[in-house]
């Protein structure tokens, strides 16, 4: 498999991820829950840049910071930036290098799919 492979079954985990395989389903479940509960909008700003508009609650920000910090430690090609443009709004920007656009594509698709299902 290539370094950019997206596994089947709705997962967007690339082969480059260093998270132990046994822990991946738990992380995916965490992301699915986050997408379902916190994401209010999805904007694809460029091939390498995804913006998630989030619920502005403080616990959402805490969850986003915790989840993205853990994801960065196993998939260092992700660049996450959390910003609060207003008191009730929160944005999560996700960027990847050109070599990992397919991973961002899959993440965006997953976020949209989970969000629509809720």
N, C-alpha and C. Protein backbone atom coordinates (compact mmCIF):
# COMPACT_ATOMS: atom_id res chain seq x y z
N UNK A 1 0.84 -1.18 0.00
CA UNK A 1 0.00 0.00 0.00
C UNK A 1 0.87 1.24 0.00
N UNK A 2 0.38 2.28 -0.59
CA UNK A 2 1.13 3.53 -0.63
C UNK A 2 1.05 4.25 0.71
N UNK A 3 1.89 5.26 0.84
CA UNK A 3 1.91 6.06 2.05
C UNK A 3 0.63 6.86 2.22
N UNK A 4 -0.14 7.00 1.15
CA UNK A 4 -1.33 7.84 1.18
C UNK A 4 -2.60 7.01 1.19
N UNK A 5 -2.50 5.73 1.35
CA UNK A 5 -3.66 4.84 1.23
C UNK A 5 -4.72 5.16 2.28
N UNK A 6 -5.94 5.20 1.84
CA UNK A 6 -7.07 5.34 2.73
C UNK A 6 -7.70 3.96 2.85
N UNK A 7 -7.83 3.48 4.05
CA UNK A 7 -8.37 2.14 4.23
C UNK A 7 -9.86 2.15 3.90
N UNK A 8 -10.39 0.97 3.68
CA UNK A 8 -11.80 0.85 3.33
C UNK A 8 -12.67 0.89 4.57
N UNK A 9 -13.95 0.81 4.38
CA UNK A 9 -14.87 0.80 5.50
C UNK A 9 -15.17 2.18 6.06
N UNK A 10 -15.01 3.22 5.24
CA UNK A 10 -15.34 4.56 5.69
C UNK A 10 -14.25 5.22 6.50
N UNK A 11 -13.10 4.60 6.60
CA UNK A 11 -12.00 5.15 7.39
C UNK A 11 -11.12 6.02 6.53
N UNK A 12 -10.58 7.09 7.11
CA UNK A 12 -9.69 7.99 6.38
C UNK A 12 -8.27 7.91 6.91
N UNK A 13 -7.93 6.85 7.63
CA UNK A 13 -6.62 6.72 8.24
C UNK A 13 -5.58 6.36 7.18
N UNK A 14 -4.54 7.18 7.01
CA UNK A 14 -3.50 6.87 6.04
C UNK A 14 -2.49 5.88 6.61
N UNK A 15 -1.78 5.21 5.73
CA UNK A 15 -0.73 4.29 6.18
C UNK A 15 0.35 5.01 6.95
N UNK A 16 0.55 6.30 6.70
CA UNK A 16 1.58 7.07 7.39
C UNK A 16 1.28 7.29 8.87
N UNK A 17 0.07 7.01 9.29
CA UNK A 17 -0.32 7.20 10.68
C UNK A 17 0.45 6.22 11.57
N UNK A 18 0.99 6.72 12.67
CA UNK A 18 1.75 5.87 13.59
C UNK A 18 0.93 5.42 14.79
N UNK A 19 -0.35 5.78 14.83
CA UNK A 19 -1.21 5.31 15.90
C UNK A 19 -1.31 3.79 15.80
N UNK A 20 -1.12 3.07 16.90
CA UNK A 20 -1.23 1.61 16.83
C UNK A 20 -2.57 1.19 16.22
N UNK A 21 -2.52 0.20 15.38
CA UNK A 21 -3.70 -0.26 14.65
C UNK A 21 -4.87 -0.56 15.59
N UNK A 22 -4.61 -1.13 16.73
CA UNK A 22 -5.68 -1.48 17.68
C UNK A 22 -6.38 -0.24 18.22
N UNK A 23 -5.72 0.91 18.24
CA UNK A 23 -6.31 2.14 18.76
C UNK A 23 -7.06 2.95 17.71
N UNK A 24 -6.89 2.62 16.45
CA UNK A 24 -7.48 3.41 15.37
C UNK A 24 -9.01 3.43 15.40
N UNK A 25 -9.68 2.31 15.63
CA UNK A 25 -11.16 2.39 15.68
C UNK A 25 -11.66 3.33 16.77
N UNK A 26 -10.98 3.37 17.90
CA UNK A 26 -11.38 4.28 18.98
C UNK A 26 -11.21 5.73 18.56
N UNK A 27 -10.11 6.04 17.90
CA UNK A 27 -9.87 7.42 17.44
C UNK A 27 -10.89 7.80 16.39
N UNK A 28 -11.19 6.89 15.48
CA UNK A 28 -12.20 7.18 14.45
C UNK A 28 -13.56 7.45 15.09
N UNK A 29 -13.89 6.68 16.11
CA UNK A 29 -15.15 6.89 16.82
C UNK A 29 -15.16 8.26 17.49
N UNK A 30 -14.02 8.66 18.06
CA UNK A 30 -13.93 9.99 18.66
C UNK A 30 -14.15 11.09 17.63
N UNK A 31 -13.52 10.95 16.46
CA UNK A 31 -13.71 11.93 15.41
C UNK A 31 -15.15 11.94 14.91
N UNK A 32 -15.75 10.76 14.73
CA UNK A 32 -17.14 10.71 14.29
C UNK A 32 -18.06 11.42 15.29
N UNK A 33 -17.84 11.18 16.56
CA UNK A 33 -18.65 11.84 17.58
C UNK A 33 -18.44 13.35 17.54
N UNK A 34 -17.20 13.77 17.40
CA UNK A 34 -16.88 15.19 17.31
C UNK A 34 -17.55 15.81 16.09
N UNK A 35 -17.43 15.16 14.94
CA UNK A 35 -18.05 15.67 13.72
C UNK A 35 -19.57 15.80 13.90
N UNK A 36 -20.19 14.78 14.49
CA UNK A 36 -21.64 14.77 14.66
C UNK A 36 -22.13 15.83 15.64
N UNK A 37 -21.39 16.02 16.72
CA UNK A 37 -21.85 16.91 17.78
C UNK A 37 -21.38 18.35 17.64
N UNK A 38 -20.23 18.58 17.04
CA UNK A 38 -19.63 19.91 17.10
C UNK A 38 -19.62 20.66 15.77
N UNK A 39 -19.59 19.96 14.65
CA UNK A 39 -19.43 20.63 13.36
C UNK A 39 -20.76 21.25 12.91
N UNK A 40 -20.69 22.53 12.58
CA UNK A 40 -21.87 23.28 12.12
C UNK A 40 -21.77 23.65 10.65
N UNK A 41 -20.56 23.61 10.10
CA UNK A 41 -20.36 23.91 8.69
C UNK A 41 -19.01 23.43 8.23
N UNK A 42 -18.89 23.17 6.94
CA UNK A 42 -17.66 22.66 6.35
C UNK A 42 -17.36 23.46 5.10
N UNK A 43 -16.16 24.02 5.05
CA UNK A 43 -15.73 24.79 3.89
C UNK A 43 -14.40 24.25 3.41
N UNK A 44 -14.30 23.97 2.12
CA UNK A 44 -13.04 23.55 1.53
C UNK A 44 -12.43 24.78 0.89
N UNK A 45 -11.46 25.37 1.55
CA UNK A 45 -10.87 26.63 1.10
C UNK A 45 -9.86 26.43 -0.02
N UNK A 46 -9.23 25.27 -0.06
CA UNK A 46 -8.32 24.89 -1.14
C UNK A 46 -8.13 23.39 -1.06
N UNK A 47 -7.40 22.83 -1.99
CA UNK A 47 -7.15 21.39 -1.98
C UNK A 47 -6.46 20.95 -0.69
N UNK A 48 -5.67 21.84 -0.12
CA UNK A 48 -4.88 21.50 1.06
C UNK A 48 -5.41 22.11 2.36
N UNK A 49 -6.59 22.74 2.31
CA UNK A 49 -7.10 23.48 3.46
C UNK A 49 -8.60 23.26 3.63
N UNK A 50 -8.95 22.72 4.78
CA UNK A 50 -10.34 22.48 5.15
C UNK A 50 -10.65 23.30 6.40
N UNK A 51 -11.82 23.93 6.41
CA UNK A 51 -12.24 24.69 7.60
C UNK A 51 -13.55 24.09 8.10
N UNK A 52 -13.53 23.74 9.38
CA UNK A 52 -14.74 23.26 10.05
C UNK A 52 -15.24 24.36 10.95
N UNK A 53 -16.48 24.75 10.77
CA UNK A 53 -17.12 25.71 11.66
C UNK A 53 -17.76 24.91 12.78
N UNK A 54 -17.40 25.25 14.02
CA UNK A 54 -17.79 24.46 15.16
C UNK A 54 -18.75 25.19 16.08
N UNK A 55 -19.48 24.43 16.86
CA UNK A 55 -20.26 24.97 17.96
C UNK A 55 -19.28 25.74 18.84
N UNK A 56 -19.67 26.89 19.34
CA UNK A 56 -18.76 27.75 20.08
C UNK A 56 -18.60 27.44 21.56
N UNK A 57 -19.18 26.35 22.03
CA UNK A 57 -19.12 26.02 23.45
C UNK A 57 -17.68 25.74 23.89
N UNK A 58 -17.40 26.10 25.13
CA UNK A 58 -16.05 25.92 25.67
C UNK A 58 -15.63 24.45 25.65
N UNK A 59 -16.53 23.54 25.96
CA UNK A 59 -16.16 22.12 25.97
C UNK A 59 -15.83 21.62 24.56
N UNK A 60 -16.44 22.23 23.54
CA UNK A 60 -16.11 21.88 22.15
C UNK A 60 -14.68 22.29 21.86
N UNK A 61 -14.29 23.47 22.29
CA UNK A 61 -12.91 23.92 22.09
C UNK A 61 -11.94 22.99 22.81
N UNK A 62 -12.25 22.63 24.03
CA UNK A 62 -11.39 21.71 24.79
C UNK A 62 -11.25 20.37 24.07
N UNK A 63 -12.36 19.85 23.60
CA UNK A 63 -12.34 18.57 22.87
C UNK A 63 -11.53 18.70 21.59
N UNK A 64 -11.74 19.78 20.85
CA UNK A 64 -11.01 19.99 19.60
C UNK A 64 -9.51 20.07 19.86
N UNK A 65 -9.11 20.80 20.87
CA UNK A 65 -7.68 20.92 21.18
C UNK A 65 -7.08 19.59 21.59
N UNK A 66 -7.80 18.83 22.40
CA UNK A 66 -7.30 17.54 22.84
C UNK A 66 -7.20 16.55 21.67
N UNK A 67 -8.25 16.48 20.89
CA UNK A 67 -8.29 15.53 19.77
C UNK A 67 -7.24 15.87 18.71
N UNK A 68 -7.11 17.14 18.37
CA UNK A 68 -6.14 17.52 17.34
C UNK A 68 -4.70 17.38 17.82
N UNK A 69 -4.46 17.60 19.10
CA UNK A 69 -3.11 17.40 19.64
C UNK A 69 -2.71 15.93 19.56
N UNK A 70 -3.64 15.06 19.90
CA UNK A 70 -3.35 13.62 19.83
C UNK A 70 -3.19 13.17 18.38
N UNK A 71 -3.99 13.73 17.48
CA UNK A 71 -3.88 13.35 16.07
C UNK A 71 -2.57 13.84 15.47
N UNK A 72 -2.14 15.02 15.85
CA UNK A 72 -0.86 15.56 15.35
C UNK A 72 0.32 14.71 15.79
N UNK A 73 0.19 14.07 16.94
CA UNK A 73 1.31 13.26 17.44
C UNK A 73 1.50 11.97 16.65
N UNK A 74 0.43 11.46 16.02
CA UNK A 74 0.57 10.22 15.25
C UNK A 74 0.55 10.48 13.73
N UNK A 75 0.01 11.61 13.33
CA UNK A 75 -0.05 11.99 11.92
C UNK A 75 0.48 13.42 11.80
N UNK A 76 1.81 13.58 11.88
CA UNK A 76 2.38 14.92 11.94
C UNK A 76 2.23 15.76 10.68
N UNK A 77 1.73 15.19 9.60
CA UNK A 77 1.52 15.97 8.39
C UNK A 77 0.29 16.87 8.50
N UNK A 78 -0.59 16.62 9.48
CA UNK A 78 -1.73 17.49 9.71
C UNK A 78 -1.27 18.75 10.42
N UNK A 79 -1.78 19.89 9.99
CA UNK A 79 -1.59 21.15 10.71
C UNK A 79 -2.97 21.64 11.11
N UNK A 80 -3.20 21.71 12.41
CA UNK A 80 -4.49 22.13 12.94
C UNK A 80 -4.36 23.51 13.56
N UNK A 81 -5.36 24.34 13.35
CA UNK A 81 -5.39 25.67 13.96
C UNK A 81 -6.82 25.93 14.42
N UNK A 82 -6.94 26.26 15.70
CA UNK A 82 -8.25 26.54 16.28
C UNK A 82 -8.33 28.03 16.57
N UNK A 83 -9.39 28.66 16.10
CA UNK A 83 -9.56 30.11 16.30
C UNK A 83 -10.98 30.39 16.76
N UNK A 84 -11.10 31.46 17.53
CA UNK A 84 -12.40 31.91 18.01
C UNK A 84 -12.65 33.31 17.46
N UNK A 85 -13.29 33.41 16.27
CA UNK A 85 -13.52 34.72 15.66
C UNK A 85 -14.57 35.56 16.39
N UNK A 86 -15.37 34.93 17.21
CA UNK A 86 -16.39 35.63 17.99
C UNK A 86 -16.70 34.84 19.23
N UNK A 87 -17.45 35.40 20.16
CA UNK A 87 -17.71 34.72 21.43
C UNK A 87 -18.49 33.42 21.28
N UNK A 88 -19.30 33.31 20.25
CA UNK A 88 -20.11 32.10 20.07
C UNK A 88 -19.70 31.28 18.86
N UNK A 89 -18.53 31.56 18.31
CA UNK A 89 -18.10 30.80 17.13
C UNK A 89 -16.68 30.29 17.31
N UNK A 90 -16.43 29.19 16.66
CA UNK A 90 -15.15 28.52 16.75
C UNK A 90 -14.85 27.91 15.39
N UNK A 91 -13.60 28.00 14.95
CA UNK A 91 -13.21 27.42 13.67
C UNK A 91 -12.01 26.51 13.87
N UNK A 92 -12.04 25.42 13.16
CA UNK A 92 -10.91 24.48 13.13
C UNK A 92 -10.43 24.41 11.69
N UNK A 93 -9.22 24.91 11.46
CA UNK A 93 -8.60 24.80 10.15
C UNK A 93 -7.70 23.59 10.13
N UNK A 94 -7.81 22.80 9.08
CA UNK A 94 -6.99 21.61 8.90
C UNK A 94 -6.25 21.77 7.58
N UNK A 95 -4.94 21.70 7.65
CA UNK A 95 -4.10 21.81 6.44
C UNK A 95 -3.21 20.59 6.34
N UNK A 96 -2.91 20.23 5.09
CA UNK A 96 -2.00 19.13 4.82
C UNK A 96 -1.09 19.53 3.66
N UNK A 97 0.10 18.92 3.57
CA UNK A 97 0.94 19.15 2.40
C UNK A 97 0.31 18.48 1.17
N UNK A 98 0.74 18.90 0.00
CA UNK A 98 0.17 18.38 -1.25
C UNK A 98 0.20 16.85 -1.32
N UNK A 99 1.18 16.24 -0.74
CA UNK A 99 1.30 14.78 -0.78
C UNK A 99 0.19 14.07 -0.01
N UNK A 100 -0.55 14.80 0.82
CA UNK A 100 -1.60 14.17 1.65
C UNK A 100 -3.00 14.75 1.40
N UNK A 101 -3.20 15.32 0.22
CA UNK A 101 -4.51 15.88 -0.12
C UNK A 101 -5.58 14.79 -0.08
N UNK A 102 -5.23 13.57 -0.47
CA UNK A 102 -6.21 12.49 -0.46
C UNK A 102 -6.71 12.20 0.95
N UNK A 103 -5.85 12.38 1.94
CA UNK A 103 -6.25 12.17 3.33
C UNK A 103 -7.23 13.27 3.75
N UNK A 104 -6.94 14.50 3.35
CA UNK A 104 -7.84 15.61 3.66
C UNK A 104 -9.18 15.43 2.94
N UNK A 105 -9.14 14.94 1.71
CA UNK A 105 -10.37 14.65 0.97
C UNK A 105 -11.24 13.67 1.76
N UNK A 106 -10.61 12.61 2.24
CA UNK A 106 -11.35 11.58 2.97
C UNK A 106 -11.86 12.11 4.31
N UNK A 107 -11.06 12.92 4.99
CA UNK A 107 -11.50 13.51 6.25
C UNK A 107 -12.71 14.42 6.02
N UNK A 108 -12.66 15.25 4.99
CA UNK A 108 -13.78 16.15 4.66
C UNK A 108 -15.03 15.35 4.33
N UNK A 109 -14.85 14.30 3.55
CA UNK A 109 -15.98 13.45 3.19
C UNK A 109 -16.59 12.80 4.42
N UNK A 110 -15.74 12.34 5.32
CA UNK A 110 -16.22 11.70 6.55
C UNK A 110 -16.97 12.70 7.43
N UNK A 111 -16.40 13.89 7.59
CA UNK A 111 -17.05 14.92 8.40
C UNK A 111 -18.43 15.25 7.84
N UNK A 112 -18.52 15.40 6.53
CA UNK A 112 -19.79 15.72 5.89
C UNK A 112 -20.78 14.58 6.06
N UNK A 113 -20.32 13.36 5.85
CA UNK A 113 -21.19 12.19 5.95
C UNK A 113 -21.75 12.03 7.36
N UNK A 114 -20.90 12.14 8.35
CA UNK A 114 -21.33 11.98 9.74
C UNK A 114 -22.27 13.12 10.13
N UNK A 115 -21.94 14.32 9.70
CA UNK A 115 -22.76 15.49 10.01
C UNK A 115 -24.16 15.36 9.41
N UNK A 116 -24.23 14.87 8.19
CA UNK A 116 -25.52 14.70 7.51
C UNK A 116 -26.36 13.63 8.19
N UNK A 117 -25.72 12.58 8.70
CA UNK A 117 -26.42 11.48 9.34
C UNK A 117 -27.07 11.88 10.67
N UNK A 118 -26.52 12.90 11.32
CA UNK A 118 -27.07 13.26 12.64
C UNK A 118 -28.38 13.92 12.44
